[in-house]
Each structure stands twice: as C-alpha cells, then as structure tokens.
Amino acid sequence: EFSFPVSVVKPKGSKKTPCVVHIAFRPDIPDKYYPAEEVLDLGLTVFTFCYKDVTTDDENFESGLAAMYDRSKWTWGKIGMWAFAAMRVCDMVHTFDYVDSENIAVMGHSRLGKTALLAGALDERFKYVISNNSGCSGAAISRDKEGERIKDICNRFGYWFCNNYKKYMDNEKDMPFDQHFLLSLVCPRYLYVSSAIEDTWADPFNEFITLKAVDSVYEMHGVAGFTSEDRFPKPGDVFSKGRVGYHLREGTHYVSRYDWLKFAEFILKGGSV
C-alpha cells in the first residue's frame, strides 16, 4: 500500500464551494506560489499535495508510488504518477459534503502544469483544468517551438515520460500527435492556460497557438471555445469568455497572485458559457 498527505483550506460556513486540487512544489500553506488567504476569501476550497510526497523528482523509480511499478519503454513516467495522485485526491474530495463536486478544478505550474493537463485529460470529474507556464510537453505545440524542445526536456528530465518519447528528440515532425491533442481531451469541459512574456523557454506564443487549434474541437461540440482576438497576445491580455481561457502577463516563470486571481475568476463563473 502507498499513501501521501493532503492539506485542505476551506471558507467558513456550511455552503458548498467549488474547489481546486492544487499540485504543489511544496507542502507549505501559504506558499510563494499560493496566496492561500486571498483564494480562501474568494470562496474556493483548495486541496494541496506536494508532488514529491508521491514520488521523487528524479530518476529513482524505487521511491514512493514509483516503487510499485516496473519501468520499461512503454510505462508511465513521473508526470503520469503525479497526475494519478491528483485523481486520487479527486476521489477524496468527493467524500466531503462542503465541496461542490460538480465544480472541481485541477491546477499546476510548470512541470506540474503538464501534470494538471494530463490529470484533466484523463479524469472528466475535473470540470476546470488549469495549466500555468507548462511549455514543452505541456500546453505548447512542439513543432517549430522556441526555447525548450523535446530533446532538451528528455536530456534533463526523461524520467518524467515513458522512454519511447525519446524517439522524437530532434524529430517532432514525425510525432503522430502534438500537444493540442492532449488539451482537446478536456473538451467540452473548461480549460485555462496562462503564460508569461519573459518565459521564452516555455514559449508563450506556441501555448497560445495550441489553444487556437483546440478551439475547433469545441466548435465541433457546439460550444464556445477560445474566443481570442485574431492576433498574438500582448501582456495584460485576458481571453476568457468561452470555455477555453488564457492570459499573458508580464514577468518570468512563476505563479503569481495575479495568475491565481484569474484562475479563480474563471472557476467562479461556474460554467456560465
């Protein structure tokens, strides 16, 4: 058997609230990436777990959850395991009567933004899927990408993925998919991607292009998807009138208070589109 700790903060009162499954770098509440008091004041319950409590962020496949599975060229990497953990937290969320189980979000930043996308693609109980600065192998289209490419990420963090992913190092054109396939699996639910203008390693413009590609899938389902203007974004832009939201802010690679407030606004609309 295997278990890991989860922390929860909830607003006072008996009213059912929307909630966020927050995949975090640290267990601290609050944290520099998590303005807990402000999020609480907005009326969100947040369940937080530290990804390293699930399995270590390295090539050690004998730690935590990883020790329960063999590692082969076909099997999941660490991102899959962290996503699996987020889904198990979602199981737990459904046992609490103070949570509005129809309004559950999953959220992560960077490598954990990739994790949130995978969890949201696989588990339809997540109504809102939120990815911050996830870049390569996350929200950014891989073909013709600036900054980090599949070769870069596999050379440093190959253990995040199944070993077969390495076939596409310097070979993105031969992939039978790209990242918009993954993000499209969220449809017709709610998807939010955020970028930072100085985060060139993640490539905010390719993250934006991914959402333009995803929009056609929402259109096929007859719902409003990505309602952006027909241009590349500029810092300060927020496009969130449809079921696919996006913002581009000033700054570098981190999760800011501004990011959290935009995520909360998107969730608290409550599926009004």
C-alpha atoms as a PDB file:
ATOM      1  CA  GLU A   1       0.000   0.000   0.000  1.00  0.00           C
ATOM      2  CA  PHE A   2       1.015   3.620  -0.534  1.00  0.00           C
ATOM      3  CA  SER A   3      -0.348   6.927   0.789  1.00  0.00           C
ATOM      4  CA  PHE A   4       0.609  10.601   0.751  1.00  0.00           C
ATOM      5  CA  PRO A   5      -0.521  13.663   2.754  1.00  0.00           C
ATOM      6  CA  VAL A   6      -3.045  16.228   1.523  1.00  0.00           C
ATOM      7  CA  SER A   7      -3.815  19.605   3.119  1.00  0.00           C
ATOM      8  CA  VAL A   8      -7.108  21.463   2.813  1.00  0.00           C
ATOM      9  CA  VAL A   9      -8.172  25.056   3.416  1.00  0.00           C
ATOM     10  CA  LYS A  10     -11.854  25.940   3.171  1.00  0.00           C
ATOM     11  CA  PRO A  11     -14.008  29.017   3.714  1.00  0.00           C
ATOM     12  CA  LYS A  12     -16.048  29.288   6.910  1.00  0.00           C
ATOM     13  CA  GLY A  13     -19.656  28.233   6.811  1.00  0.00           C
ATOM     14  CA  SER A  14     -21.676  25.315   5.542  1.00  0.00           C
ATOM     15  CA  LYS A  15     -22.153  26.454   1.956  1.00  0.00           C
ATOM     16  CA  LYS A  16     -20.826  24.063  -0.675  1.00  0.00           C
ATOM     17  CA  THR A  17     -17.907  25.641  -2.530  1.00  0.00           C
ATOM     18  CA  PRO A  18     -16.040  24.986  -5.770  1.00  0.00           C
ATOM     19  CA  CYS A  19     -12.633  23.504  -5.100  1.00  0.00           C
ATOM     20  CA  VAL A  20      -9.161  23.249  -6.585  1.00  0.00           C
ATOM     21  CA  VAL A  21      -6.889  20.212  -6.459  1.00  0.00           C
ATOM     22  CA  HIS A  22      -3.564  22.047  -6.294  1.00  0.00           C
ATOM     23  CA  ILE A  23      -0.497  20.064  -7.349  1.00  0.00           C
ATOM     24  CA  ALA A  24       2.247  21.912  -5.490  1.00  0.00           C
ATOM     25  CA  PHE A  25       6.025  22.097  -5.353  1.00  0.00           C
ATOM     26  CA  ARG A  26       5.982  22.448  -1.574  1.00  0.00           C
ATOM     27  CA  PRO A  27       3.531  21.490   1.182  1.00  0.00           C
ATOM     28  CA  ASP A  28       3.600  24.987   2.716  1.00  0.00           C
ATOM     29  CA  ILE A  29       0.350  26.935   3.162  1.00  0.00           C
ATOM     30  CA  PRO A  30       0.570  29.731   2.254  1.00  0.00           C
ATOM     31  CA  ASP A  31       3.466  29.489  -0.173  1.00  0.00           C
ATOM     32  CA  LYS A  32       5.196  31.917  -2.523  1.00  0.00           C
ATOM     33  CA  TYR A  33       3.275  30.204  -5.334  1.00  0.00           C
ATOM     34  CA  TYR A  34      -0.008  30.020  -3.418  1.00  0.00           C
ATOM     35  CA  PRO A  35      -1.713  33.098  -1.830  1.00  0.00           C
ATOM     36  CA  ALA A  36      -3.961  30.904   0.294  1.00  0.00           C
ATOM     37  CA  GLU A  37      -5.739  33.637   2.257  1.00  0.00           C
ATOM     38  CA  GLU A  38      -6.839  35.547  -0.845  1.00  0.00           C
ATOM     39  CA  VAL A  39      -8.003  32.393  -2.602  1.00  0.00           C
ATOM     40  CA  LEU A  40      -9.939  31.432   0.521  1.00  0.00           C
ATOM     41  CA  ASP A  41     -11.566  34.875   0.687  1.00  0.00           C
ATOM     42  CA  LEU A  42     -12.817  34.402  -2.872  1.00  0.00           C
ATOM     43  CA  GLY A  43     -14.788  31.356  -1.760  1.00  0.00           C
ATOM     44  CA  LEU A  44     -12.688  28.459  -3.033  1.00  0.00           C
ATOM     45  CA  THR A  45     -11.714  25.339  -1.118  1.00  0.00           C
ATOM     46  CA  VAL A  46      -8.215  24.145  -2.011  1.00  0.00           C
ATOM     47  CA  PHE A  47      -6.796  20.649  -1.553  1.00  0.00           C
ATOM     48  CA  THR A  48      -2.996  20.762  -1.827  1.00  0.00           C
ATOM     49  CA  PHE A  49      -0.463  17.968  -2.105  1.00  0.00           C
ATOM     50  CA  CYS A  50       3.286  18.181  -2.642  1.00  0.00           C
ATOM     51  CA  TYR A  51       4.309  16.218  -5.709  1.00  0.00           C
ATOM     52  CA  LYS A  52       7.479  14.888  -4.068  1.00  0.00           C
ATOM     53  CA  ASP A  53       5.354  13.168  -1.431  1.00  0.00           C
ATOM     54  CA  VAL A  54       4.079  10.960  -4.260  1.00  0.00           C
ATOM     55  CA  THR A  55       7.454  10.113  -5.779  1.00  0.00           C
ATOM     56  CA  THR A  56      10.770  11.938  -6.015  1.00  0.00           C
ATOM     57  CA  ASP A  57      11.525  14.278  -8.909  1.00  0.00           C
ATOM     58  CA  ASP A  58      14.499  12.306 -10.191  1.00  0.00           C
ATOM     59  CA  GLU A  59      15.439   9.049 -11.912  1.00  0.00           C
ATOM     60  CA  ASN A  60      14.825   6.999  -8.767  1.00  0.00           C
ATOM     61  CA  PHE A  61      11.965   4.623  -9.547  1.00  0.00           C
ATOM     62  CA  GLU A  62      12.233   2.970  -6.135  1.00  0.00           C
ATOM     63  CA  SER A  63      10.643   5.888  -4.259  1.00  0.00           C
ATOM     64  CA  GLY A  64       7.025   6.236  -3.221  1.00  0.00           C
ATOM     65  CA  LEU A  65       4.427   5.310  -5.816  1.00  0.00           C
ATOM     66  CA  ALA A  66       7.113   4.576  -8.429  1.00  0.00           C
ATOM     67  CA  ALA A  67       8.343   1.581  -6.446  1.00  0.00           C
ATOM     68  CA  MET A  68       5.069  -0.211  -7.137  1.00  0.00           C
ATOM     69  CA  TYR A  69       5.580  -0.335 -10.915  1.00  0.00           C
ATOM     70  CA  ASP A  70       8.179  -1.655 -13.339  1.00  0.00           C
ATOM     71  CA  ARG A  71       9.961   0.852 -15.572  1.00  0.00           C
ATOM     72  CA  SER A  72      10.045  -0.082 -19.266  1.00  0.00           C
ATOM     73  CA  LYS A  73       9.968   1.816 -22.546  1.00  0.00           C
ATOM     74  CA  TRP A  74       6.171   1.669 -22.533  1.00  0.00           C
ATOM     75  CA  THR A  75       5.343   2.505 -18.920  1.00  0.00           C
ATOM     76  CA  TRP A  76       4.498   5.841 -17.400  1.00  0.00           C
ATOM     77  CA  GLY A  77       6.995   8.341 -16.087  1.00  0.00           C
ATOM     78  CA  LYS A  78       6.831  10.593 -13.064  1.00  0.00           C
ATOM     79  CA  ILE A  79       4.350  13.076 -14.590  1.00  0.00           C
ATOM     80  CA  GLY A  80       1.871  10.246 -15.048  1.00  0.00           C
ATOM     81  CA  MET A  81       2.321   9.263 -11.413  1.00  0.00           C
ATOM     82  CA  TRP A  82       1.763  12.801 -10.142  1.00  0.00           C
ATOM     83  CA  ALA A  83      -1.346  13.042 -12.341  1.00  0.00           C
ATOM     84  CA  PHE A  84      -2.589   9.728 -10.931  1.00  0.00           C
ATOM     85  CA  ALA A  85      -2.152  11.190  -7.444  1.00  0.00           C
ATOM     86  CA  ALA A  86      -4.237  14.237  -8.392  1.00  0.00           C
ATOM     87  CA  MET A  87      -7.016  11.893  -9.500  1.00  0.00           C
ATOM     88  CA  ARG A  88      -6.855  10.059  -6.186  1.00  0.00           C
ATOM     89  CA  VAL A  89      -7.193  13.393  -4.377  1.00  0.00           C
ATOM     90  CA  CYS A  90     -10.291  13.955  -6.504  1.00  0.00           C
ATOM     91  CA  ASP A  91     -11.625  10.658  -5.128  1.00  0.00           C
ATOM     92  CA  MET A  92     -11.165  12.043  -1.631  1.00  0.00           C
ATOM     93  CA  VAL A  93     -12.724  15.408  -2.497  1.00  0.00           C
ATOM     94  CA  HIS A  94     -15.973  13.639  -3.332  1.00  0.00           C
ATOM     95  CA  THR A  95     -16.270  12.380   0.251  1.00  0.00           C
ATOM     96  CA  PHE A  96     -16.644  15.880   1.763  1.00  0.00           C
ATOM     97  CA  ASP A  97     -20.093  17.453   1.914  1.00  0.00           C
ATOM     98  CA  TYR A  98     -18.708  21.014   1.922  1.00  0.00           C
ATOM     99  CA  VAL A  99     -17.396  20.628  -1.640  1.00  0.00           C
ATOM    100  CA  ASP A 100     -19.485  21.286  -4.738  1.00  0.00           C
ATOM    101  CA  SER A 101     -18.456  18.089  -6.514  1.00  0.00           C
ATOM    102  CA  GLU A 102     -19.745  19.439  -9.837  1.00  0.00           C
ATOM    103  CA  ASN A 103     -17.170  22.242  -9.749  1.00  0.00           C
ATOM    104  CA  ILE A 104     -13.718  20.747  -9.183  1.00  0.00           C
ATOM    105  CA  ALA A 105     -10.571  22.181 -10.776  1.00  0.00           C
ATOM    106  CA  VAL A 106      -7.052  20.794 -11.084  1.00  0.00           C
ATOM    107  CA  MET A 107      -4.177  23.258 -11.228  1.00  0.00           C
ATOM    108  CA  GLY A 108      -0.386  23.161 -11.522  1.00  0.00           C
ATOM    109  CA  HIS A 109       2.610  25.231 -12.607  1.00  0.00           C
ATOM    110  CA  SER A 110       5.484  24.321 -14.955  1.00  0.00           C
ATOM    111  CA  ARG A 111       6.119  20.548 -14.757  1.00  0.00           C
ATOM    112  CA  LEU A 112       3.048  20.403 -12.550  1.00  0.00           C
ATOM    113  CA  GLY A 113       1.125  22.354 -15.180  1.00  0.00           C
ATOM    114  CA  LYS A 114       1.912  19.475 -17.529  1.00  0.00           C
ATOM    115  CA  THR A 115       0.705  17.169 -14.775  1.00  0.00           C
ATOM    116  CA  ALA A 116      -2.571  19.081 -14.394  1.00  0.00           C
ATOM    117  CA  LEU A 117      -3.211  18.820 -18.140  1.00  0.00           C
ATOM    118  CA  LEU A 118      -2.720  15.061 -18.078  1.00  0.00           C
ATOM    119  CA  ALA A 119      -4.909  14.609 -15.000  1.00  0.00           C
ATOM    120  CA  GLY A 120      -7.617  16.759 -16.540  1.00  0.00           C
ATOM    121  CA  ALA A 121      -7.472  14.914 -19.846  1.00  0.00           C
ATOM    122  CA  LEU A 122      -7.846  11.540 -18.126  1.00  0.00           C
ATOM    123  CA  ASP A 123     -10.396  12.378 -15.431  1.00  0.00           C
ATOM    124  CA  GLU A 124     -13.645  14.012 -16.521  1.00  0.00           C
ATOM    125  CA  ARG A 125     -14.559  14.828 -12.920  1.00  0.00           C
ATOM    126  CA  PHE A 126     -12.244  17.832 -13.237  1.00  0.00           C
ATOM    127  CA  LYS A 127     -14.569  20.437 -14.696  1.00  0.00           C
ATOM    128  CA  TYR A 128     -11.756  23.009 -14.856  1.00  0.00           C
ATOM    129  CA  VAL A 129      -8.216  22.190 -15.994  1.00  0.00           C
ATOM    130  CA  ILE A 130      -5.678  24.943 -15.301  1.00  0.00           C
ATOM    131  CA  SER A 131      -2.077  24.958 -16.505  1.00  0.00           C
ATOM    132  CA  ASN A 132       0.405  27.738 -15.736  1.00  0.00           C
ATOM    133  CA  ASN A 133       3.621  28.170 -17.771  1.00  0.00           C
ATOM    134  CA  SER A 134       3.687  24.476 -18.739  1.00  0.00           C
ATOM    135  CA  GLY A 135       5.533  24.940 -22.046  1.00  0.00           C
ATOM    136  CA  CYS A 136       7.262  21.996 -23.699  1.00  0.00           C
ATOM    137  CA  SER A 137       5.272  18.748 -23.450  1.00  0.00           C
ATOM    138  CA  GLY A 138       2.560  20.775 -21.737  1.00  0.00           C
ATOM    139  CA  ALA A 139       0.449  23.496 -23.325  1.00  0.00           C
ATOM    140  CA  ALA A 140       2.899  24.472 -26.099  1.00  0.00           C
ATOM    141  CA  ILE A 141       2.789  22.954 -29.579  1.00  0.00           C
ATOM    142  CA  SER A 142       6.062  21.015 -30.051  1.00  0.00           C
ATOM    143  CA  ARG A 143       6.572  21.631 -33.761  1.00  0.00           C
ATOM    144  CA  ASP A 144       8.583  24.794 -34.549  1.00  0.00           C
ATOM    145  CA  LYS A 145       8.765  25.615 -30.845  1.00  0.00           C
ATOM    146  CA  GLU A 146      11.094  28.264 -29.441  1.00  0.00           C
ATOM    147  CA  GLY A 147      13.034  27.649 -26.231  1.00  0.00           C
ATOM    148  CA  GLU A 148      12.805  24.178 -24.718  1.00  0.00           C
ATOM    149  CA  ARG A 149      12.325  21.314 -27.191  1.00  0.00           C
ATOM    150  CA  ILE A 150      11.712  17.594 -26.715  1.00  0.00           C
ATOM    151  CA  LYS A 151      15.464  16.937 -26.923  1.00  0.00           C
ATOM    152  CA  ASP A 152      16.140  19.410 -24.113  1.00  0.00           C
ATOM    153  CA  ILE A 153      13.439  18.091 -21.819  1.00  0.00           C
ATOM    154  CA  CYS A 154      14.296  14.417 -22.391  1.00  0.00           C
ATOM    155  CA  ASN A 155      18.006  15.013 -21.800  1.00  0.00           C
ATOM    156  CA  ARG A 156      17.292  16.637 -18.416  1.00  0.00           C
ATOM    157  CA  PHE A 157      14.003  15.087 -17.354  1.00  0.00           C
ATOM    158  CA  GLY A 158      13.497  11.944 -19.394  1.00  0.00           C
ATOM    159  CA  TYR A 159      12.111  10.188 -16.322  1.00  0.00           C
ATOM    160  CA  TRP A 160       9.023  12.414 -16.489  1.00  0.00           C
ATOM    161  CA  PHE A 161       7.819  10.479 -19.538  1.00  0.00           C
ATOM    162  CA  CYS A 162       7.680   6.980 -20.965  1.00  0.00           C
ATOM    163  CA  ASN A 163      11.025   6.101 -22.541  1.00  0.00           C
ATOM    164  CA  ASN A 164       9.517   5.902 -26.027  1.00  0.00           C
ATOM    165  CA  TYR A 165       9.085   9.684 -26.006  1.00  0.00           C
ATOM    166  CA  LYS A 166      12.812   9.961 -26.680  1.00  0.00           C
ATOM    167  CA  LYS A 167      12.153   8.798 -30.242  1.00  0.00           C
ATOM    168  CA  TYR A 168      11.007  12.336 -31.000  1.00  0.00           C
ATOM    169  CA  MET A 169      14.154  14.144 -29.876  1.00  0.00           C
ATOM    170  CA  ASP A 170      15.021  16.380 -32.875  1.00  0.00           C
ATOM    171  CA  ASN A 171      12.188  14.545 -34.612  1.00  0.00           C
ATOM    172  CA  GLU A 172       8.995  16.367 -33.690  1.00  0.00           C
ATOM    173  CA  LYS A 173       7.764  16.299 -37.283  1.00  0.00           C
ATOM    174  CA  ASP A 174       7.320  12.518 -37.097  1.00  0.00           C
ATOM    175  CA  MET A 175       5.133  12.578 -33.993  1.00  0.00           C
ATOM    176  CA  PRO A 176       1.644  11.244 -34.756  1.00  0.00           C
ATOM    177  CA  PHE A 177       0.269  13.902 -32.382  1.00  0.00           C
ATOM    178  CA  ASP A 178       1.028  17.271 -30.865  1.00  0.00           C
ATOM    179  CA  GLN A 179       0.012  18.969 -27.637  1.00  0.00           C
ATOM    180  CA  HIS A 180      -3.342  20.205 -28.910  1.00  0.00           C
ATOM    181  CA  PHE A 181      -4.403  16.532 -28.980  1.00  0.00           C
ATOM    182  CA  LEU A 182      -3.891  16.366 -25.217  1.00  0.00           C
ATOM    183  CA  LEU A 183      -5.625  19.650 -24.459  1.00  0.00           C
ATOM    184  CA  SER A 184      -8.540  18.754 -26.743  1.00  0.00           C
ATOM    185  CA  LEU A 185      -9.351  15.841 -24.446  1.00  0.00           C
ATOM    186  CA  VAL A 186     -10.617  18.381 -21.922  1.00  0.00           C
ATOM    187  CA  CYS A 187     -13.421  19.404 -24.327  1.00  0.00           C
ATOM    188  CA  PRO A 188     -16.252  20.204 -23.723  1.00  0.00           C
ATOM    189  CA  ARG A 189     -15.133  20.996 -20.175  1.00  0.00           C
ATOM    190  CA  TYR A 190     -13.241  24.137 -19.153  1.00  0.00           C
ATOM    191  CA  LEU A 191      -9.565  24.723 -19.933  1.00  0.00           C
ATOM    192  CA  TYR A 192      -7.328  27.601 -18.829  1.00  0.00           C
ATOM    193  CA  VAL A 193      -3.720  28.232 -19.873  1.00  0.00           C
ATOM    194  CA  SER A 194      -1.577  31.107 -18.636  1.00  0.00           C
ATOM    195  CA  SER A 195       1.742  32.380 -19.961  1.00  0.00           C
ATOM    196  CA  ALA A 196       4.420  34.937 -19.046  1.00  0.00           C
ATOM    197  CA  ILE A 197       6.005  37.145 -21.703  1.00  0.00           C
ATOM    198  CA  GLU A 198       9.574  36.610 -20.446  1.00  0.00           C
ATOM    199  CA  ASP A 199       9.136  32.841 -20.151  1.00  0.00           C
ATOM    200  CA  THR A 200      10.655  32.208 -23.570  1.00  0.00           C
ATOM    201  CA  TRP A 201      11.812  28.713 -22.554  1.00  0.00           C
ATOM    202  CA  ALA A 202       8.136  27.728 -22.292  1.00  0.00           C
ATOM    203  CA  ASP A 203       7.249  29.723 -25.452  1.00  0.00           C
ATOM    204  CA  PRO A 204       4.046  31.644 -24.663  1.00  0.00           C
ATOM    205  CA  PHE A 205       3.190  32.098 -28.320  1.00  0.00           C
ATOM    206  CA  ASN A 206       3.145  28.370 -29.007  1.00  0.00           C
ATOM    207  CA  GLU A 207       0.974  27.938 -25.914  1.00  0.00           C
ATOM    208  CA  PHE A 208      -1.418  30.445 -27.482  1.00  0.00           C
ATOM    209  CA  ILE A 209      -1.296  28.630 -30.854  1.00  0.00           C
ATOM    210  CA  THR A 210      -2.253  25.381 -29.121  1.00  0.00           C
ATOM    211  CA  LEU A 211      -5.451  26.966 -27.852  1.00  0.00           C
ATOM    212  CA  LYS A 212      -6.268  28.273 -31.322  1.00  0.00           C
ATOM    213  CA  ALA A 213      -6.013  24.667 -32.540  1.00  0.00           C
ATOM    214  CA  VAL A 214      -8.104  23.350 -29.651  1.00  0.00           C
ATOM    215  CA  ASP A 215     -10.882  25.822 -30.437  1.00  0.00           C
ATOM    216  CA  SER A 216     -12.003  23.813 -33.484  1.00  0.00           C
ATOM    217  CA  VAL A 217     -12.779  20.830 -31.241  1.00  0.00           C
ATOM    218  CA  TYR A 218     -15.032  22.954 -29.036  1.00  0.00           C
ATOM    219  CA  GLU A 219     -16.695  24.277 -32.176  1.00  0.00           C
ATOM    220  CA  MET A 220     -17.449  20.699 -33.261  1.00  0.00           C
ATOM    221  CA  HIS A 221     -19.140  20.170 -29.888  1.00  0.00           C
ATOM    222  CA  GLY A 222     -21.272  23.260 -30.419  1.00  0.00           C
ATOM    223  CA  VAL A 223     -19.890  25.264 -27.503  1.00  0.00           C
ATOM    224  CA  ALA A 224     -17.857  28.454 -27.264  1.00  0.00           C
ATOM    225  CA  GLY A 225     -14.173  27.575 -27.009  1.00  0.00           C
ATOM    226  CA  PHE A 226     -11.283  30.019 -27.351  1.00  0.00           C
ATOM    227  CA  THR A 227     -12.754  33.454 -28.040  1.00  0.00           C
ATOM    228  CA  SER A 228      -9.498  35.349 -28.560  1.00  0.00           C
ATOM    229  CA  GLU A 229      -8.840  38.226 -30.897  1.00  0.00           C
ATOM    230  CA  ASP A 230      -7.241  37.295 -34.218  1.00  0.00           C
ATOM    231  CA  ARG A 231      -3.685  38.279 -33.276  1.00  0.00           C
ATOM    232  CA  PHE A 232      -0.880  37.212 -30.995  1.00  0.00           C
ATOM    233  CA  PRO A 233      -1.477  38.287 -27.393  1.00  0.00           C
ATOM    234  CA  LYS A 234       0.279  41.097 -25.584  1.00  0.00           C
ATOM    235  CA  PRO A 235       0.974  41.311 -21.839  1.00  0.00           C
ATOM    236  CA  GLY A 236      -2.204  42.126 -19.958  1.00  0.00           C
ATOM    237  CA  ASP A 237      -4.481  40.321 -22.403  1.00  0.00           C
ATOM    238  CA  VAL A 238      -7.120  38.041 -20.892  1.00  0.00           C
ATOM    239  CA  PHE A 239      -9.352  35.917 -23.124  1.00  0.00           C
ATOM    240  CA  SER A 240     -11.870  34.004 -21.041  1.00  0.00           C
ATOM    241  CA  LYS A 241     -15.351  34.462 -22.479  1.00  0.00           C
ATOM    242  CA  GLY A 242     -15.591  30.874 -23.741  1.00  0.00           C
ATOM    243  CA  ARG A 243     -14.791  27.515 -22.208  1.00  0.00           C
ATOM    244  CA  VAL A 244     -11.100  27.979 -23.035  1.00  0.00           C
ATOM    245  CA  GLY A 245      -9.375  30.768 -21.133  1.00  0.00           C
ATOM    246  CA  TYR A 246      -5.944  32.334 -21.485  1.00  0.00           C
ATOM    247  CA  HIS A 247      -3.919  35.217 -20.170  1.00  0.00           C
ATOM    248  CA  LEU A 248      -0.445  36.585 -20.849  1.00  0.00           C
ATOM    249  CA  ARG A 249       1.179  38.589 -18.083  1.00  0.00           C
ATOM    250  CA  GLU A 250       4.408  40.484 -17.630  1.00  0.00           C
ATOM    251  CA  GLY A 251       7.252  38.673 -15.906  1.00  0.00           C
ATOM    252  CA  THR A 252       9.023  35.357 -15.833  1.00  0.00           C
ATOM    253  CA  HIS A 253       8.417  31.703 -14.974  1.00  0.00           C
ATOM    254  CA  TYR A 254       6.432  31.505 -11.726  1.00  0.00           C
ATOM    255  CA  VAL A 255       2.869  31.504 -10.369  1.00  0.00           C
ATOM    256  CA  SER A 256       1.789  34.966  -9.297  1.00  0.00           C
ATOM    257  CA  ARG A 257      -1.070  36.334  -7.227  1.00  0.00           C
ATOM    258  CA  TYR A 258      -2.439  37.729 -10.495  1.00  0.00           C
ATOM    259  CA  ASP A 259      -2.464  34.245 -12.029  1.00  0.00           C
ATOM    260  CA  TRP A 260      -4.416  32.797  -9.107  1.00  0.00           C
ATOM    261  CA  LEU A 261      -6.983  35.606  -9.229  1.00  0.00           C
ATOM    262  CA  LYS A 262      -7.586  34.975 -12.930  1.00  0.00           C
ATOM    263  CA  PHE A 263      -7.930  31.235 -12.309  1.00  0.00           C
ATOM    264  CA  ALA A 264     -10.441  31.934  -9.534  1.00  0.00           C
ATOM    265  CA  GLU A 265     -12.474  34.274 -11.753  1.00  0.00           C
ATOM    266  CA  PHE A 266     -12.669  31.564 -14.405  1.00  0.00           C
ATOM    267  CA  ILE A 267     -13.824  28.929 -11.920  1.00  0.00           C
ATOM    268  CA  LEU A 268     -16.303  31.182 -10.136  1.00  0.00           C
ATOM    269  CA  LYS A 269     -18.107  31.950 -13.381  1.00  0.00           C
ATOM    270  CA  GLY A 270     -19.495  28.489 -12.674  1.00  0.00           C
ATOM    271  CA  GLY A 271     -19.848  27.218 -16.202  1.00  0.00           C
ATOM    272  CA  SER A 272     -21.929  30.127 -17.455  1.00  0.00           C
ATOM    273  CA  VAL A 273     -20.865  29.544 -21.092  1.00  0.00           C
END
